[in-house]
Amino acid sequence: MSQQNPQNRARIILAVCLAGFLLLIMIARLNSADKTPDIADGKGDFAQNPAIVTVNGSSITAEQLELAAKSPDAAGLGDETAIKNYIIQRRLLYQKALESGLETQPAIQTRLLSAREDILSDAMIQNHVSQVVTEEAIKEFYDTQTAQKPQELQVNARQIVVPDEAMAAEIIRRLNDGDSFSSLALGFSIDRASRENAGDLGYVSRDMMDPVLSSKIFSADKGALLSPVKTDQGWHVIEVLDQRILPAPSFESRKDAIEALLTAKAVENLLEELEQSAIITHHETPSDK
């Protein structure tokens, strides 16, 4: 991906902030600046849902309890009773704040306005993402990327590494006479990692090996016993056991990463579109003078 400018980074950060969406909703509903009747009086939208408890005549619904349970502040509270006590305390504090006239203070009104703006902004993002980043879109992206990715050959091989060419020739002779590759690897190989697996390297890709070994192994046929190959490690006697095309990662293993990528891209595109169609004027502030 090309280097992003600060605006693009800000768009991606907004996508990440979706995780705080539920908490912001709860804060706004519990701290509404205009004394919305659903909280202050137990009326309005929340009145359509059955109350699980009332506080001074104000209803707390199961929906509000569920939102409270998802709040980071309630994360360590434990059971439903503790969470219910938590939201009751919040409602009492809210009612006392209204009674005290705190919502009329300019600083509080600014914070409430900012919280409302954050909630509606995140709601807009969530609504847009839900329409764009669908299961079908994620699957289509996966299929396209899988089809475009070059198929990678892997080779399963085993090796015996010895310190000099004469010993490598002796190993080849003994293999041709019918000695077991595994027993010779266990007995003579100086490469500890492969020796512990009786010489088996498992399935390897080209970039996982010394270039000299890789060029020999990947140009050989299945079942071939190669002539000794010299590297800085020593002399390698190699047998090619199998070849395969590396399986593509499953859809399930890639789904979350693709969803995150498409979400960030969807938010970036939305903000870019809004910015291009908006009239934005930067006013001079005293600090600019």
C-alpha atoms as a PDB file:
ATOM      1  CA  MET A   1       0.000   0.000   0.000  1.00  0.00           C
ATOM      2  CA  SER A   2       1.329   3.477  -0.820  1.00  0.00           C
ATOM      3  CA  GLN A   3       2.309   5.877   1.956  1.00  0.00           C
ATOM      4  CA  GLN A   4      -0.776   7.580   3.382  1.00  0.00           C
ATOM      5  CA  ASN A   5      -1.115  11.297   4.062  1.00  0.00           C
ATOM      6  CA  PRO A   6      -2.422  12.545   7.449  1.00  0.00           C
ATOM      7  CA  GLN A   7      -5.999  12.787   6.181  1.00  0.00           C
ATOM      8  CA  ASN A   8      -5.998   9.156   5.086  1.00  0.00           C
ATOM      9  CA  ARG A   9      -4.559   8.073   8.428  1.00  0.00           C
ATOM     10  CA  ALA A  10      -7.306  10.006  10.203  1.00  0.00           C
ATOM     11  CA  ARG A  11      -9.927   8.193   8.158  1.00  0.00           C
ATOM     12  CA  ILE A  12      -8.534   4.833   9.122  1.00  0.00           C
ATOM     13  CA  ILE A  13      -8.437   5.867  12.784  1.00  0.00           C
ATOM     14  CA  LEU A  14     -12.131   6.696  12.564  1.00  0.00           C
ATOM     15  CA  ALA A  15     -12.820   3.161  11.394  1.00  0.00           C
ATOM     16  CA  VAL A  16     -11.028   1.785  14.424  1.00  0.00           C
ATOM     17  CA  CYS A  17     -13.143   4.036  16.671  1.00  0.00           C
ATOM     18  CA  LEU A  18     -16.241   2.037  15.741  1.00  0.00           C
ATOM     19  CA  ALA A  19     -15.425  -0.159  18.708  1.00  0.00           C
ATOM     20  CA  GLY A  20     -16.501   2.664  21.036  1.00  0.00           C
ATOM     21  CA  PHE A  21     -19.874   3.099  19.383  1.00  0.00           C
ATOM     22  CA  LEU A  22     -21.979   1.261  21.969  1.00  0.00           C
ATOM     23  CA  LEU A  23     -20.373   3.104  24.883  1.00  0.00           C
ATOM     24  CA  LEU A  24     -21.038   6.486  23.296  1.00  0.00           C
ATOM     25  CA  ILE A  25     -24.701   5.627  22.786  1.00  0.00           C
ATOM     26  CA  MET A  26     -25.065   4.817  26.451  1.00  0.00           C
ATOM     27  CA  ILE A  27     -23.334   8.029  27.522  1.00  0.00           C
ATOM     28  CA  ALA A  28     -25.550  10.124  25.280  1.00  0.00           C
ATOM     29  CA  ARG A  29     -28.755   8.468  26.473  1.00  0.00           C
ATOM     30  CA  LEU A  30     -27.762   8.904  30.094  1.00  0.00           C
ATOM     31  CA  ASN A  31     -26.534  12.506  29.652  1.00  0.00           C
ATOM     32  CA  SER A  32     -28.794  14.109  27.053  1.00  0.00           C
ATOM     33  CA  ALA A  33     -28.548  17.907  27.097  1.00  0.00           C
ATOM     34  CA  ASP A  34     -32.205  18.523  26.224  1.00  0.00           C
ATOM     35  CA  LYS A  35     -33.690  16.292  28.977  1.00  0.00           C
ATOM     36  CA  THR A  36     -35.115  13.787  26.529  1.00  0.00           C
ATOM     37  CA  PRO A  37     -38.341  12.341  28.017  1.00  0.00           C
ATOM     38  CA  ASP A  38     -37.341   8.693  27.519  1.00  0.00           C
ATOM     39  CA  ILE A  39     -34.787   8.995  30.333  1.00  0.00           C
ATOM     40  CA  ALA A  40     -35.982  11.897  32.435  1.00  0.00           C
ATOM     41  CA  ASP A  41     -39.622  10.851  32.613  1.00  0.00           C
ATOM     42  CA  GLY A  42     -39.721   7.188  31.630  1.00  0.00           C
ATOM     43  CA  LYS A  43     -41.539   8.080  28.423  1.00  0.00           C
ATOM     44  CA  GLY A  44     -40.642   8.215  24.735  1.00  0.00           C
ATOM     45  CA  ASP A  45     -38.893   5.428  22.834  1.00  0.00           C
ATOM     46  CA  PHE A  46     -37.790   3.528  25.910  1.00  0.00           C
ATOM     47  CA  ALA A  47     -41.388   3.432  27.132  1.00  0.00           C
ATOM     48  CA  GLN A  48     -42.078   0.994  24.274  1.00  0.00           C
ATOM     49  CA  ASN A  49     -39.835  -1.559  25.990  1.00  0.00           C
ATOM     50  CA  PRO A  50     -40.716  -3.158  29.317  1.00  0.00           C
ATOM     51  CA  ALA A  51     -38.940  -1.625  32.277  1.00  0.00           C
ATOM     52  CA  ILE A  52     -36.781  -3.896  34.415  1.00  0.00           C
ATOM     53  CA  VAL A  53     -36.534  -1.248  37.140  1.00  0.00           C
ATOM     54  CA  THR A  54     -37.736   2.315  37.695  1.00  0.00           C
ATOM     55  CA  VAL A  55     -35.759   5.021  39.464  1.00  0.00           C
ATOM     56  CA  ASN A  56     -37.875   7.900  40.766  1.00  0.00           C
ATOM     57  CA  GLY A  57     -40.426   7.046  38.082  1.00  0.00           C
ATOM     58  CA  SER A  58     -37.831   6.856  35.269  1.00  0.00           C
ATOM     59  CA  SER A  59     -37.682   3.526  33.451  1.00  0.00           C
ATOM     60  CA  ILE A  60     -34.560   1.457  32.864  1.00  0.00           C
ATOM     61  CA  THR A  61     -35.122  -1.127  30.133  1.00  0.00           C
ATOM     62  CA  ALA A  62     -33.448  -4.386  29.194  1.00  0.00           C
ATOM     63  CA  GLU A  63     -31.949  -2.612  26.176  1.00  0.00           C
ATOM     64  CA  GLN A  64     -30.242  -0.068  28.416  1.00  0.00           C
ATOM     65  CA  LEU A  65     -28.995  -2.833  30.704  1.00  0.00           C
ATOM     66  CA  GLU A  66     -27.477  -4.596  27.693  1.00  0.00           C
ATOM     67  CA  LEU A  67     -25.735  -1.397  26.585  1.00  0.00           C
ATOM     68  CA  ALA A  68     -24.416  -0.834  30.095  1.00  0.00           C
ATOM     69  CA  ALA A  69     -23.045  -4.394  30.235  1.00  0.00           C
ATOM     70  CA  LYS A  70     -20.946  -3.668  27.128  1.00  0.00           C
ATOM     71  CA  SER A  71     -19.456  -0.529  28.638  1.00  0.00           C
ATOM     72  CA  PRO A  72     -15.748  -0.664  29.619  1.00  0.00           C
ATOM     73  CA  ASP A  73     -16.788   0.788  32.997  1.00  0.00           C
ATOM     74  CA  ALA A  74     -18.905  -2.309  33.626  1.00  0.00           C
ATOM     75  CA  ALA A  75     -16.315  -4.806  32.409  1.00  0.00           C
ATOM     76  CA  GLY A  76     -15.202  -5.851  35.880  1.00  0.00           C
ATOM     77  CA  LEU A  77     -18.593  -5.767  37.577  1.00  0.00           C
ATOM     78  CA  GLY A  78     -19.429  -9.421  36.992  1.00  0.00           C
ATOM     79  CA  ASP A  79     -23.044 -10.576  37.143  1.00  0.00           C
ATOM     80  CA  GLU A  80     -26.263  -8.928  35.981  1.00  0.00           C
ATOM     81  CA  THR A  81     -27.169  -7.736  39.478  1.00  0.00           C
ATOM     82  CA  ALA A  82     -23.949  -5.752  39.773  1.00  0.00           C
ATOM     83  CA  ILE A  83     -24.483  -4.233  36.318  1.00  0.00           C
ATOM     84  CA  LYS A  84     -28.060  -3.340  37.220  1.00  0.00           C
ATOM     85  CA  ASN A  85     -26.831  -1.579  40.372  1.00  0.00           C
ATOM     86  CA  TYR A  86     -24.306   0.247  38.233  1.00  0.00           C
ATOM     87  CA  ILE A  87     -26.912   1.606  35.825  1.00  0.00           C
ATOM     88  CA  ILE A  88     -29.227   2.539  38.713  1.00  0.00           C
ATOM     89  CA  GLN A  89     -26.409   4.585  40.227  1.00  0.00           C
ATOM     90  CA  ARG A  90     -25.797   6.227  36.858  1.00  0.00           C
ATOM     91  CA  ARG A  91     -29.487   7.117  36.588  1.00  0.00           C
ATOM     92  CA  LEU A  92     -29.472   8.627  40.077  1.00  0.00           C
ATOM     93  CA  LEU A  93     -26.425  10.706  39.205  1.00  0.00           C
ATOM     94  CA  TYR A  94     -28.082  11.790  35.960  1.00  0.00           C
ATOM     95  CA  GLN A  95     -31.248  12.871  37.742  1.00  0.00           C
ATOM     96  CA  LYS A  96     -29.250  14.771  40.342  1.00  0.00           C
ATOM     97  CA  ALA A  97     -27.284  16.516  37.585  1.00  0.00           C
ATOM     98  CA  LEU A  98     -30.532  17.674  35.975  1.00  0.00           C
ATOM     99  CA  GLU A  99     -31.868  18.824  39.310  1.00  0.00           C
ATOM    100  CA  SER A 100     -28.675  20.780  39.921  1.00  0.00           C
ATOM    101  CA  GLY A 101     -28.851  22.440  36.508  1.00  0.00           C
ATOM    102  CA  LEU A 102     -25.469  21.149  35.415  1.00  0.00           C
ATOM    103  CA  GLU A 103     -26.658  20.751  31.841  1.00  0.00           C
ATOM    104  CA  THR A 104     -26.958  24.541  31.538  1.00  0.00           C
ATOM    105  CA  GLN A 105     -23.246  25.092  32.147  1.00  0.00           C
ATOM    106  CA  PRO A 106     -21.481  26.081  28.884  1.00  0.00           C
ATOM    107  CA  ALA A 107     -18.613  23.624  29.398  1.00  0.00           C
ATOM    108  CA  ILE A 108     -21.053  20.760  29.989  1.00  0.00           C
ATOM    109  CA  GLN A 109     -23.154  21.753  26.967  1.00  0.00           C
ATOM    110  CA  THR A 110     -20.012  21.716  24.813  1.00  0.00           C
ATOM    111  CA  ARG A 111     -19.125  18.207  26.027  1.00  0.00           C
ATOM    112  CA  LEU A 112     -22.675  16.964  25.452  1.00  0.00           C
ATOM    113  CA  LEU A 113     -22.730  18.447  21.960  1.00  0.00           C
ATOM    114  CA  SER A 114     -19.390  16.810  21.212  1.00  0.00           C
ATOM    115  CA  ALA A 115     -20.675  13.434  22.499  1.00  0.00           C
ATOM    116  CA  ARG A 116     -23.792  13.760  20.319  1.00  0.00           C
ATOM    117  CA  GLU A 117     -21.652  14.584  17.294  1.00  0.00           C
ATOM    118  CA  ASP A 118     -19.396  11.597  17.980  1.00  0.00           C
ATOM    119  CA  ILE A 119     -22.353   9.248  18.324  1.00  0.00           C
ATOM    120  CA  LEU A 120     -24.040  10.368  15.118  1.00  0.00           C
ATOM    121  CA  SER A 121     -20.713  10.344  13.247  1.00  0.00           C
ATOM    122  CA  ASP A 122     -20.034   6.780  14.349  1.00  0.00           C
ATOM    123  CA  ALA A 123     -23.622   5.819  13.537  1.00  0.00           C
ATOM    124  CA  MET A 124     -23.110   7.184  10.016  1.00  0.00           C
ATOM    125  CA  ILE A 125     -19.914   5.159   9.675  1.00  0.00           C
ATOM    126  CA  GLN A 126     -21.576   2.015  10.984  1.00  0.00           C
ATOM    127  CA  ASN A 127     -24.531   2.454   8.638  1.00  0.00           C
ATOM    128  CA  HIS A 128     -22.265   2.996   5.623  1.00  0.00           C
ATOM    129  CA  VAL A 129     -19.986   0.083   6.494  1.00  0.00           C
ATOM    130  CA  SER A 130     -22.929  -2.270   7.005  1.00  0.00           C
ATOM    131  CA  GLN A 131     -24.090  -1.502   3.452  1.00  0.00           C
ATOM    132  CA  VAL A 132     -20.673  -1.740   1.805  1.00  0.00           C
ATOM    133  CA  VAL A 133     -18.765  -4.376   3.778  1.00  0.00           C
ATOM    134  CA  THR A 134     -21.166  -7.272   3.340  1.00  0.00           C
ATOM    135  CA  GLU A 135     -20.493 -10.989   3.489  1.00  0.00           C
ATOM    136  CA  GLU A 136     -20.712 -11.049  -0.300  1.00  0.00           C
ATOM    137  CA  ALA A 137     -18.166  -8.229  -0.638  1.00  0.00           C
ATOM    138  CA  ILE A 138     -15.738  -9.972   1.707  1.00  0.00           C
ATOM    139  CA  LYS A 139     -16.085 -13.262  -0.190  1.00  0.00           C
ATOM    140  CA  GLU A 140     -15.662 -11.529  -3.554  1.00  0.00           C
ATOM    141  CA  PHE A 141     -12.459  -9.841  -2.345  1.00  0.00           C
ATOM    142  CA  TYR A 142     -11.129 -13.180  -1.079  1.00  0.00           C
ATOM    143  CA  ASP A 143     -11.923 -14.944  -4.369  1.00  0.00           C
ATOM    144  CA  THR A 144     -10.297 -12.182  -6.412  1.00  0.00           C
ATOM    145  CA  GLN A 145      -7.136 -12.112  -4.320  1.00  0.00           C
ATOM    146  CA  THR A 146      -6.874 -15.904  -4.319  1.00  0.00           C
ATOM    147  CA  ALA A 147      -7.282 -16.073  -8.089  1.00  0.00           C
ATOM    148  CA  GLN A 148      -4.662 -13.370  -8.689  1.00  0.00           C
ATOM    149  CA  LYS A 149      -2.039 -14.797  -6.330  1.00  0.00           C
ATOM    150  CA  PRO A 150       0.541 -16.901  -8.201  1.00  0.00           C
ATOM    151  CA  GLN A 151       0.535 -20.568  -7.245  1.00  0.00           C
ATOM    152  CA  GLU A 152       3.593 -21.368  -5.155  1.00  0.00           C
ATOM    153  CA  LEU A 153       5.427 -24.657  -5.506  1.00  0.00           C
ATOM    154  CA  GLN A 154       6.652 -26.380  -2.346  1.00  0.00           C
ATOM    155  CA  VAL A 155       8.985 -29.346  -2.113  1.00  0.00           C
ATOM    156  CA  ASN A 156       9.232 -31.950   0.616  1.00  0.00           C
ATOM    157  CA  ALA A 157      12.861 -33.064   0.896  1.00  0.00           C
ATOM    158  CA  ARG A 158      15.263 -34.673   3.329  1.00  0.00           C
ATOM    159  CA  GLN A 159      18.964 -34.121   3.727  1.00  0.00           C
ATOM    160  CA  ILE A 160      22.172 -35.412   5.277  1.00  0.00           C
ATOM    161  CA  VAL A 161      24.799 -32.733   5.851  1.00  0.00           C
ATOM    162  CA  VAL A 162      28.420 -33.855   6.227  1.00  0.00           C
ATOM    163  CA  PRO A 163      31.652 -31.835   6.578  1.00  0.00           C
ATOM    164  CA  ASP A 164      33.504 -32.887   3.393  1.00  0.00           C
ATOM    165  CA  GLU A 165      32.977 -34.123  -0.144  1.00  0.00           C
ATOM    166  CA  ALA A 166      34.539 -37.540   0.484  1.00  0.00           C
ATOM    167  CA  MET A 167      32.033 -38.341   3.228  1.00  0.00           C
ATOM    168  CA  ALA A 168      29.196 -37.081   1.033  1.00  0.00           C
ATOM    169  CA  ALA A 169      30.320 -39.516  -1.690  1.00  0.00           C
ATOM    170  CA  GLU A 170      30.402 -42.321   0.873  1.00  0.00           C
ATOM    171  CA  ILE A 171      26.827 -41.463   1.968  1.00  0.00           C
ATOM    172  CA  ILE A 172      25.665 -41.599  -1.651  1.00  0.00           C
ATOM    173  CA  ARG A 173      27.339 -44.988  -2.100  1.00  0.00           C
ATOM    174  CA  ARG A 174      25.683 -46.413   1.008  1.00  0.00           C
ATOM    175  CA  LEU A 175      22.282 -45.106  -0.061  1.00  0.00           C
ATOM    176  CA  ASN A 176      22.694 -46.739  -3.463  1.00  0.00           C
ATOM    177  CA  ASP A 177      23.609 -49.969  -1.668  1.00  0.00           C
ATOM    178  CA  GLY A 178      20.291 -49.857   0.167  1.00  0.00           C
ATOM    179  CA  ASP A 179      21.138 -48.246   3.516  1.00  0.00           C
ATOM    180  CA  SER A 180      18.328 -46.340   5.206  1.00  0.00           C
ATOM    181  CA  PHE A 181      18.337 -42.577   4.610  1.00  0.00           C
ATOM    182  CA  SER A 182      16.880 -42.004   8.072  1.00  0.00           C
ATOM    183  CA  SER A 183      19.543 -44.067   9.863  1.00  0.00           C
ATOM    184  CA  LEU A 184      22.364 -42.384   7.944  1.00  0.00           C
ATOM    185  CA  ALA A 185      20.934 -38.927   8.744  1.00  0.00           C
ATOM    186  CA  LEU A 186      20.688 -39.802  12.434  1.00  0.00           C
ATOM    187  CA  GLY A 187      24.182 -41.211  12.446  1.00  0.00           C
ATOM    188  CA  PHE A 188      26.162 -38.739  10.344  1.00  0.00           C
ATOM    189  CA  SER A 189      24.349 -35.458   9.663  1.00  0.00           C
ATOM    190  CA  ILE A 190      25.920 -32.393  11.266  1.00  0.00           C
ATOM    191  CA  ASP A 191      22.738 -30.338  10.803  1.00  0.00           C
ATOM    192  CA  ARG A 192      21.096 -30.736  14.204  1.00  0.00           C
ATOM    193  CA  ALA A 193      17.632 -29.440  13.255  1.00  0.00           C
ATOM    194  CA  SER A 194      17.037 -31.812  10.337  1.00  0.00           C
ATOM    195  CA  ARG A 195      18.958 -34.680  11.978  1.00  0.00           C
ATOM    196  CA  GLU A 196      16.419 -34.783  14.819  1.00  0.00           C
ATOM    197  CA  ASN A 197      13.748 -35.399  12.165  1.00  0.00           C
ATOM    198  CA  ALA A 198      15.814 -38.115  10.464  1.00  0.00           C
ATOM    199  CA  GLY A 199      16.816 -35.558   7.834  1.00  0.00           C
ATOM    200  CA  ASP A 200      13.258 -34.543   6.910  1.00  0.00           C
ATOM    201  CA  LEU A 201      12.944 -30.833   6.033  1.00  0.00           C
ATOM    202  CA  GLY A 202       9.175 -30.913   5.588  1.00  0.00           C
ATOM    203  CA  TYR A 203       7.561 -28.849   2.835  1.00  0.00           C
ATOM    204  CA  VAL A 204       9.705 -25.814   1.998  1.00  0.00           C
ATOM    205  CA  SER A 205       9.345 -22.834  -0.324  1.00  0.00           C
ATOM    206  CA  ARG A 206      12.088 -21.375  -2.482  1.00  0.00           C
ATOM    207  CA  ASP A 207      12.758 -18.434  -0.196  1.00  0.00           C
ATOM    208  CA  MET A 208      13.130 -20.671   2.869  1.00  0.00           C
ATOM    209  CA  MET A 209      16.406 -22.228   1.710  1.00  0.00           C
ATOM    210  CA  ASP A 210      19.928 -21.374   0.685  1.00  0.00           C
ATOM    211  CA  PRO A 211      19.736 -20.198  -2.973  1.00  0.00           C
ATOM    212  CA  VAL A 212      22.210 -22.878  -4.066  1.00  0.00           C
ATOM    213  CA  LEU A 213      20.126 -25.654  -2.487  1.00  0.00           C
ATOM    214  CA  SER A 214      16.882 -24.112  -3.695  1.00  0.00           C
ATOM    215  CA  SER A 215      17.986 -24.044  -7.330  1.00  0.00           C
ATOM    216  CA  LYS A 216      18.898 -27.747  -7.173  1.00  0.00           C
ATOM    217  CA  ILE A 217      15.879 -28.975  -5.222  1.00  0.00           C
ATOM    218  CA  PHE A 218      13.225 -27.071  -7.165  1.00  0.00           C
ATOM    219  CA  SER A 219      14.604 -28.164 -10.530  1.00  0.00           C
ATOM    220  CA  ALA A 220      14.664 -31.865  -9.552  1.00  0.00           C
ATOM    221  CA  ASP A 221      11.957 -34.451 -10.092  1.00  0.00           C
ATOM    222  CA  LYS A 222      10.042 -36.157  -7.319  1.00  0.00           C
ATOM    223  CA  GLY A 223      12.061 -39.106  -5.954  1.00  0.00           C
ATOM    224  CA  ALA A 224      15.426 -37.789  -7.170  1.00  0.00           C
ATOM    225  CA  LEU A 225      18.586 -38.331  -5.117  1.00  0.00           C
ATOM    226  CA  LEU A 226      20.762 -35.315  -5.852  1.00  0.00           C
ATOM    227  CA  SER A 227      24.507 -35.139  -6.193  1.00  0.00           C
ATOM    228  CA  PRO A 228      26.131 -33.567  -3.118  1.00  0.00           C
ATOM    229  CA  VAL A 229      25.682 -29.781  -2.967  1.00  0.00           C
ATOM    230  CA  LYS A 230      28.172 -27.567  -1.156  1.00  0.00           C
ATOM    231  CA  THR A 231      27.123 -24.599   1.008  1.00  0.00           C
ATOM    232  CA  ASP A 232      28.728 -22.737   3.911  1.00  0.00           C
ATOM    233  CA  GLN A 233      27.138 -25.314   6.212  1.00  0.00           C
ATOM    234  CA  GLY A 234      28.796 -28.307   4.566  1.00  0.00           C
ATOM    235  CA  TRP A 235      28.021 -30.895   1.891  1.00  0.00           C
ATOM    236  CA  HIS A 236      24.322 -31.742   1.460  1.00  0.00           C
ATOM    237  CA  VAL A 237      23.026 -35.083   0.252  1.00  0.00           C
ATOM    238  CA  ILE A 238      19.379 -34.444  -0.647  1.00  0.00           C
ATOM    239  CA  GLU A 239      16.456 -36.621  -1.664  1.00  0.00           C
ATOM    240  CA  VAL A 240      13.291 -35.013  -3.085  1.00  0.00           C
ATOM    241  CA  LEU A 241      10.272 -36.787  -1.583  1.00  0.00           C
ATOM    242  CA  ASP A 242       7.288 -34.853  -2.897  1.00  0.00           C
ATOM    243  CA  GLN A 243       6.083 -31.689  -4.608  1.00  0.00           C
ATOM    244  CA  ARG A 244       2.878 -29.720  -4.128  1.00  0.00           C
ATOM    245  CA  ILE A 245       1.226 -26.411  -4.866  1.00  0.00           C
ATOM    246  CA  LEU A 246       0.907 -24.419  -1.636  1.00  0.00           C
ATOM    247  CA  PRO A 247      -2.767 -24.456  -0.628  1.00  0.00           C
ATOM    248  CA  ALA A 248      -4.460 -21.056  -0.529  1.00  0.00           C
ATOM    249  CA  PRO A 249      -5.418 -19.824   2.960  1.00  0.00           C
ATOM    250  CA  SER A 250      -9.019 -20.650   3.801  1.00  0.00           C
ATOM    251  CA  PHE A 251     -11.741 -18.015   3.631  1.00  0.00           C
ATOM    252  CA  GLU A 252     -12.384 -18.310   7.376  1.00  0.00           C
ATOM    253  CA  SER A 253      -8.717 -17.695   8.206  1.00  0.00           C
ATOM    254  CA  ARG A 254      -8.687 -14.500   6.097  1.00  0.00           C
ATOM    255  CA  LYS A 255     -12.207 -13.201   6.725  1.00  0.00           C
ATOM    256  CA  ASP A 256     -11.467 -10.943   9.719  1.00  0.00           C
ATOM    257  CA  ALA A 257      -8.427  -9.346   8.093  1.00  0.00           C
ATOM    258  CA  ILE A 258     -10.331  -8.714   4.854  1.00  0.00           C
ATOM    259  CA  GLU A 259     -13.269  -7.244   6.756  1.00  0.00           C
ATOM    260  CA  ALA A 260     -10.935  -4.860   8.614  1.00  0.00           C
ATOM    261  CA  LEU A 261      -9.272  -3.835   5.349  1.00  0.00           C
ATOM    262  CA  LEU A 262     -12.596  -3.221   3.557  1.00  0.00           C
ATOM    263  CA  THR A 263     -13.962  -1.337   6.578  1.00  0.00           C
ATOM    264  CA  ALA A 264     -10.993   1.036   6.628  1.00  0.00           C
ATOM    265  CA  LYS A 265     -11.291   1.530   2.870  1.00  0.00           C
ATOM    266  CA  ALA A 266     -15.051   2.153   3.086  1.00  0.00           C
ATOM    267  CA  VAL A 267     -14.580   4.822   5.771  1.00  0.00           C
ATOM    268  CA  GLU A 268     -11.752   6.427   3.830  1.00  0.00           C
ATOM    269  CA  ASN A 269     -13.875   6.589   0.668  1.00  0.00           C
ATOM    270  CA  LEU A 270     -16.898   7.966   2.556  1.00  0.00           C
ATOM    271  CA  LEU A 271     -14.884  10.763   4.163  1.00  0.00           C
ATOM    272  CA  GLU A 272     -13.160  11.593   0.902  1.00  0.00           C
ATOM    273  CA  GLU A 273     -16.521  11.857  -0.854  1.00  0.00           C
ATOM    274  CA  LEU A 274     -17.952  14.068   1.900  1.00  0.00           C
ATOM    275  CA  GLU A 275     -14.902  16.329   1.918  1.00  0.00           C
ATOM    276  CA  GLN A 276     -14.984  16.762  -1.852  1.00  0.00           C
ATOM    277  CA  SER A 277     -18.654  17.800  -1.813  1.00  0.00           C
ATOM    278  CA  ALA A 278     -18.391  20.076   1.233  1.00  0.00           C
ATOM    279  CA  ILE A 279     -17.599  23.780   1.532  1.00  0.00           C
ATOM    280  CA  ILE A 280     -14.868  23.950   4.183  1.00  0.00           C
ATOM    281  CA  THR A 281     -13.512  27.323   5.310  1.00  0.00           C
ATOM    282  CA  HIS A 282     -10.607  27.621   7.719  1.00  0.00           C
ATOM    283  CA  HIS A 283     -10.948  30.766   9.836  1.00  0.00           C
ATOM    284  CA  GLU A 284      -8.027  32.592  11.354  1.00  0.00           C
ATOM    285  CA  THR A 285      -7.649  32.209  15.102  1.00  0.00           C
ATOM    286  CA  PRO A 286      -5.681  34.407  17.501  1.00  0.00           C
ATOM    287  CA  SER A 287      -2.927  31.783  17.661  1.00  0.00           C
ATOM    288  CA  ASP A 288      -2.515  32.012  13.872  1.00  0.00           C
ATOM    289  CA  LYS A 289      -1.703  35.701  13.974  1.00  0.00           C
END
